[in-house]
Amino acid sequence: MFSQARRTHSFQIQSTRNPSAKGMLRKLLTFLSIRRERRALQSLDAHLLDDIGQSQQKANAEALRATWDAPNRWLR
């Protein structure tokens, strides 16, 4: 499910004078992706959550977490 929800961004930064701007943009896009995934999880029906072994309470708790509160592997 998460692999479908996480989309890659097709545009590329052509040139930046400040290399940290590219890193900041990448981090922002990652945070937006995490937010989108958590909202998608929250919107799943009970039978779909059951298919992935989750309860509505766990899905809601995950959706309410802060965007930056994510596993390190998601932030790479």
N, C-alpha and C. Protein backbone atom coordinates (compact mmCIF):
# COMPACT_ATOMS: atom_id res chain seq x y z
N MET A 1 0.82 -1.19 0.00
CA MET A 1 0.00 0.00 0.00
C MET A 1 0.87 1.25 0.00
N PHE A 2 1.86 1.28 0.86
CA PHE A 2 2.67 2.48 0.94
C PHE A 2 3.45 2.71 -0.35
N SER A 3 3.87 1.63 -0.99
CA SER A 3 4.62 1.81 -2.22
C SER A 3 3.75 2.42 -3.32
N GLN A 4 2.45 2.13 -3.31
CA GLN A 4 1.57 2.73 -4.29
C GLN A 4 1.30 4.19 -3.96
N ALA A 5 1.16 4.49 -2.67
CA ALA A 5 0.82 5.86 -2.27
C ALA A 5 2.01 6.80 -2.47
N ARG A 6 3.20 6.29 -2.28
CA ARG A 6 4.38 7.14 -2.42
C ARG A 6 4.69 7.31 -3.90
N ARG A 7 4.63 8.49 -4.37
CA ARG A 7 4.89 8.78 -5.78
C ARG A 7 6.24 9.44 -5.93
N THR A 8 6.88 9.16 -7.02
CA THR A 8 8.13 9.85 -7.29
C THR A 8 7.80 11.12 -8.04
N HIS A 9 8.58 12.10 -7.82
CA HIS A 9 8.35 13.39 -8.47
C HIS A 9 9.16 13.43 -9.76
N SER A 10 8.50 13.75 -10.85
CA SER A 10 9.11 13.63 -12.15
C SER A 10 9.97 14.83 -12.55
N PHE A 11 9.88 15.92 -11.82
CA PHE A 11 10.68 17.06 -12.20
C PHE A 11 12.04 16.99 -11.54
N GLN A 12 12.99 17.65 -12.12
CA GLN A 12 14.32 17.71 -11.54
C GLN A 12 14.73 19.16 -11.42
N ILE A 13 15.52 19.43 -10.41
CA ILE A 13 16.01 20.79 -10.23
C ILE A 13 17.15 20.98 -11.21
N GLN A 14 17.01 21.95 -12.09
CA GLN A 14 18.00 22.16 -13.13
C GLN A 14 19.31 22.69 -12.57
N SER A 15 19.24 23.77 -11.85
CA SER A 15 20.46 24.31 -11.26
C SER A 15 20.08 25.13 -10.03
N THR A 16 20.92 25.02 -9.06
CA THR A 16 20.73 25.83 -7.87
C THR A 16 22.08 26.39 -7.47
N ARG A 17 22.06 27.58 -7.00
CA ARG A 17 23.30 28.18 -6.52
C ARG A 17 23.64 27.68 -5.13
N ASN A 18 22.61 27.32 -4.40
CA ASN A 18 22.78 26.87 -3.04
C ASN A 18 22.45 25.38 -2.97
N PRO A 19 23.44 24.51 -2.77
CA PRO A 19 23.15 23.07 -2.75
C PRO A 19 22.20 22.66 -1.64
N SER A 20 22.13 23.43 -0.57
CA SER A 20 21.21 23.06 0.51
C SER A 20 19.76 23.31 0.11
N ALA A 21 19.51 24.16 -0.87
CA ALA A 21 18.14 24.39 -1.35
C ALA A 21 17.58 23.11 -1.96
N LYS A 22 18.41 22.37 -2.67
CA LYS A 22 17.97 21.10 -3.26
C LYS A 22 17.62 20.10 -2.16
N GLY A 23 18.43 20.06 -1.11
CA GLY A 23 18.17 19.17 0.01
C GLY A 23 16.89 19.56 0.75
N MET A 24 16.67 20.86 0.89
CA MET A 24 15.47 21.33 1.57
C MET A 24 14.23 20.98 0.75
N LEU A 25 14.31 21.12 -0.56
CA LEU A 25 13.19 20.77 -1.43
C LEU A 25 12.90 19.28 -1.36
N ARG A 26 13.93 18.47 -1.35
CA ARG A 26 13.77 17.03 -1.25
C ARG A 26 13.08 16.66 0.08
N LYS A 27 13.51 17.30 1.16
CA LYS A 27 12.92 17.04 2.48
C LYS A 27 11.44 17.46 2.49
N LEU A 28 11.14 18.60 1.89
CA LEU A 28 9.75 19.08 1.82
C LEU A 28 8.89 18.09 1.04
N LEU A 29 9.38 17.62 -0.09
CA LEU A 29 8.63 16.66 -0.89
C LEU A 29 8.43 15.34 -0.14
N THR A 30 9.42 14.93 0.64
CA THR A 30 9.29 13.73 1.46
C THR A 30 8.21 13.92 2.51
N PHE A 31 8.22 15.07 3.18
CA PHE A 31 7.21 15.34 4.20
C PHE A 31 5.81 15.37 3.60
N LEU A 32 5.67 15.95 2.43
CA LEU A 32 4.36 15.98 1.78
C LEU A 32 3.90 14.56 1.41
N SER A 33 4.83 13.74 0.99
CA SER A 33 4.51 12.36 0.65
C SER A 33 4.06 11.58 1.89
N ILE A 34 4.76 11.77 3.00
CA ILE A 34 4.38 11.10 4.24
C ILE A 34 2.99 11.55 4.68
N ARG A 35 2.73 12.82 4.58
CA ARG A 35 1.41 13.35 4.95
C ARG A 35 0.31 12.74 4.09
N ARG A 36 0.58 12.65 2.78
CA ARG A 36 -0.39 12.08 1.85
C ARG A 36 -0.65 10.59 2.17
N GLU A 37 0.40 9.85 2.46
CA GLU A 37 0.26 8.43 2.78
C GLU A 37 -0.55 8.23 4.05
N ARG A 38 -0.28 9.03 5.06
CA ARG A 38 -1.01 8.89 6.33
C ARG A 38 -2.48 9.25 6.17
N ARG A 39 -2.78 10.23 5.37
CA ARG A 39 -4.18 10.58 5.13
C ARG A 39 -4.88 9.48 4.33
N ALA A 40 -4.17 8.88 3.41
CA ALA A 40 -4.74 7.77 2.64
C ALA A 40 -5.02 6.58 3.55
N LEU A 41 -4.11 6.31 4.48
CA LEU A 41 -4.32 5.22 5.43
C LEU A 41 -5.56 5.48 6.28
N GLN A 42 -5.73 6.71 6.71
CA GLN A 42 -6.87 7.07 7.55
C GLN A 42 -8.19 6.92 6.80
N SER A 43 -8.16 7.07 5.51
CA SER A 43 -9.40 7.03 4.73
C SER A 43 -9.80 5.61 4.30
N LEU A 44 -8.99 4.60 4.61
CA LEU A 44 -9.31 3.24 4.21
C LEU A 44 -10.50 2.71 5.01
N ASP A 45 -11.32 1.90 4.34
CA ASP A 45 -12.45 1.24 5.00
C ASP A 45 -11.95 0.15 5.93
N ALA A 46 -12.83 -0.29 6.83
CA ALA A 46 -12.47 -1.31 7.82
C ALA A 46 -12.02 -2.62 7.16
N HIS A 47 -12.69 -3.02 6.07
CA HIS A 47 -12.29 -4.28 5.44
C HIS A 47 -10.92 -4.16 4.77
N LEU A 48 -10.57 -3.00 4.26
CA LEU A 48 -9.24 -2.81 3.67
C LEU A 48 -8.17 -2.79 4.75
N LEU A 49 -8.47 -2.14 5.87
CA LEU A 49 -7.53 -2.15 6.99
C LEU A 49 -7.32 -3.56 7.51
N ASP A 50 -8.39 -4.34 7.54
CA ASP A 50 -8.28 -5.73 7.98
C ASP A 50 -7.38 -6.53 7.04
N ASP A 51 -7.44 -6.22 5.75
CA ASP A 51 -6.59 -6.91 4.77
C ASP A 51 -5.10 -6.69 5.05
N ILE A 52 -4.75 -5.52 5.57
CA ILE A 52 -3.34 -5.24 5.86
C ILE A 52 -3.02 -5.42 7.34
N GLY A 53 -3.97 -5.95 8.09
CA GLY A 53 -3.73 -6.27 9.50
C GLY A 53 -3.71 -5.07 10.42
N GLN A 54 -4.46 -4.05 10.10
CA GLN A 54 -4.50 -2.85 10.93
C GLN A 54 -5.92 -2.58 11.41
N SER A 55 -6.04 -1.90 12.52
CA SER A 55 -7.36 -1.52 13.03
C SER A 55 -7.60 -0.04 12.70
N GLN A 56 -8.84 0.37 12.81
CA GLN A 56 -9.17 1.77 12.56
C GLN A 56 -8.46 2.68 13.58
N GLN A 57 -8.35 2.22 14.81
CA GLN A 57 -7.68 3.01 15.85
C GLN A 57 -6.20 3.21 15.52
N LYS A 58 -5.53 2.14 15.07
CA LYS A 58 -4.12 2.26 14.71
C LYS A 58 -3.93 3.16 13.49
N ALA A 59 -4.83 3.06 12.53
CA ALA A 59 -4.76 3.91 11.35
C ALA A 59 -4.96 5.37 11.73
N ASN A 60 -5.91 5.64 12.60
CA ASN A 60 -6.14 7.02 13.03
C ASN A 60 -4.95 7.55 13.83
N ALA A 61 -4.38 6.71 14.69
CA ALA A 61 -3.22 7.13 15.46
C ALA A 61 -2.04 7.45 14.54
N GLU A 62 -1.83 6.65 13.52
CA GLU A 62 -0.75 6.90 12.56
C GLU A 62 -1.01 8.20 11.79
N ALA A 63 -2.25 8.42 11.41
CA ALA A 63 -2.60 9.62 10.64
C ALA A 63 -2.41 10.89 11.46
N LEU A 64 -2.55 10.79 12.76
CA LEU A 64 -2.43 11.97 13.62
C LEU A 64 -0.99 12.28 14.02
N ARG A 65 -0.07 11.39 13.69
CA ARG A 65 1.34 11.65 14.02
C ARG A 65 1.86 12.84 13.22
N ALA A 66 2.81 13.52 13.79
CA ALA A 66 3.44 14.65 13.10
C ALA A 66 4.18 14.15 11.86
N THR A 67 4.23 14.98 10.85
CA THR A 67 4.87 14.59 9.60
C THR A 67 6.33 14.20 9.80
N TRP A 68 7.04 14.91 10.63
CA TRP A 68 8.45 14.63 10.85
C TRP A 68 8.67 13.43 11.77
N ASP A 69 7.60 12.90 12.35
CA ASP A 69 7.69 11.72 13.20
C ASP A 69 7.55 10.48 12.32
N ALA A 70 8.63 10.16 11.64
CA ALA A 70 8.62 9.05 10.68
C ALA A 70 9.91 8.26 10.86
N PRO A 71 9.89 6.98 10.50
CA PRO A 71 11.12 6.19 10.56
C PRO A 71 12.22 6.79 9.69
N ASN A 72 13.45 6.64 10.10
CA ASN A 72 14.57 7.21 9.35
C ASN A 72 14.61 6.72 7.91
N ARG A 73 14.19 5.47 7.67
CA ARG A 73 14.25 4.95 6.29
C ARG A 73 13.30 5.71 5.36
N TRP A 74 12.26 6.34 5.92
CA TRP A 74 11.35 7.12 5.09
C TRP A 74 11.94 8.48 4.76
N LEU A 75 12.87 8.95 5.56
CA LEU A 75 13.40 10.30 5.40
C LEU A 75 14.66 10.35 4.56
N ARG A 76 15.06 9.25 3.99
CA ARG A 76 16.26 9.24 3.15
C ARG A 76 15.97 9.71 1.77
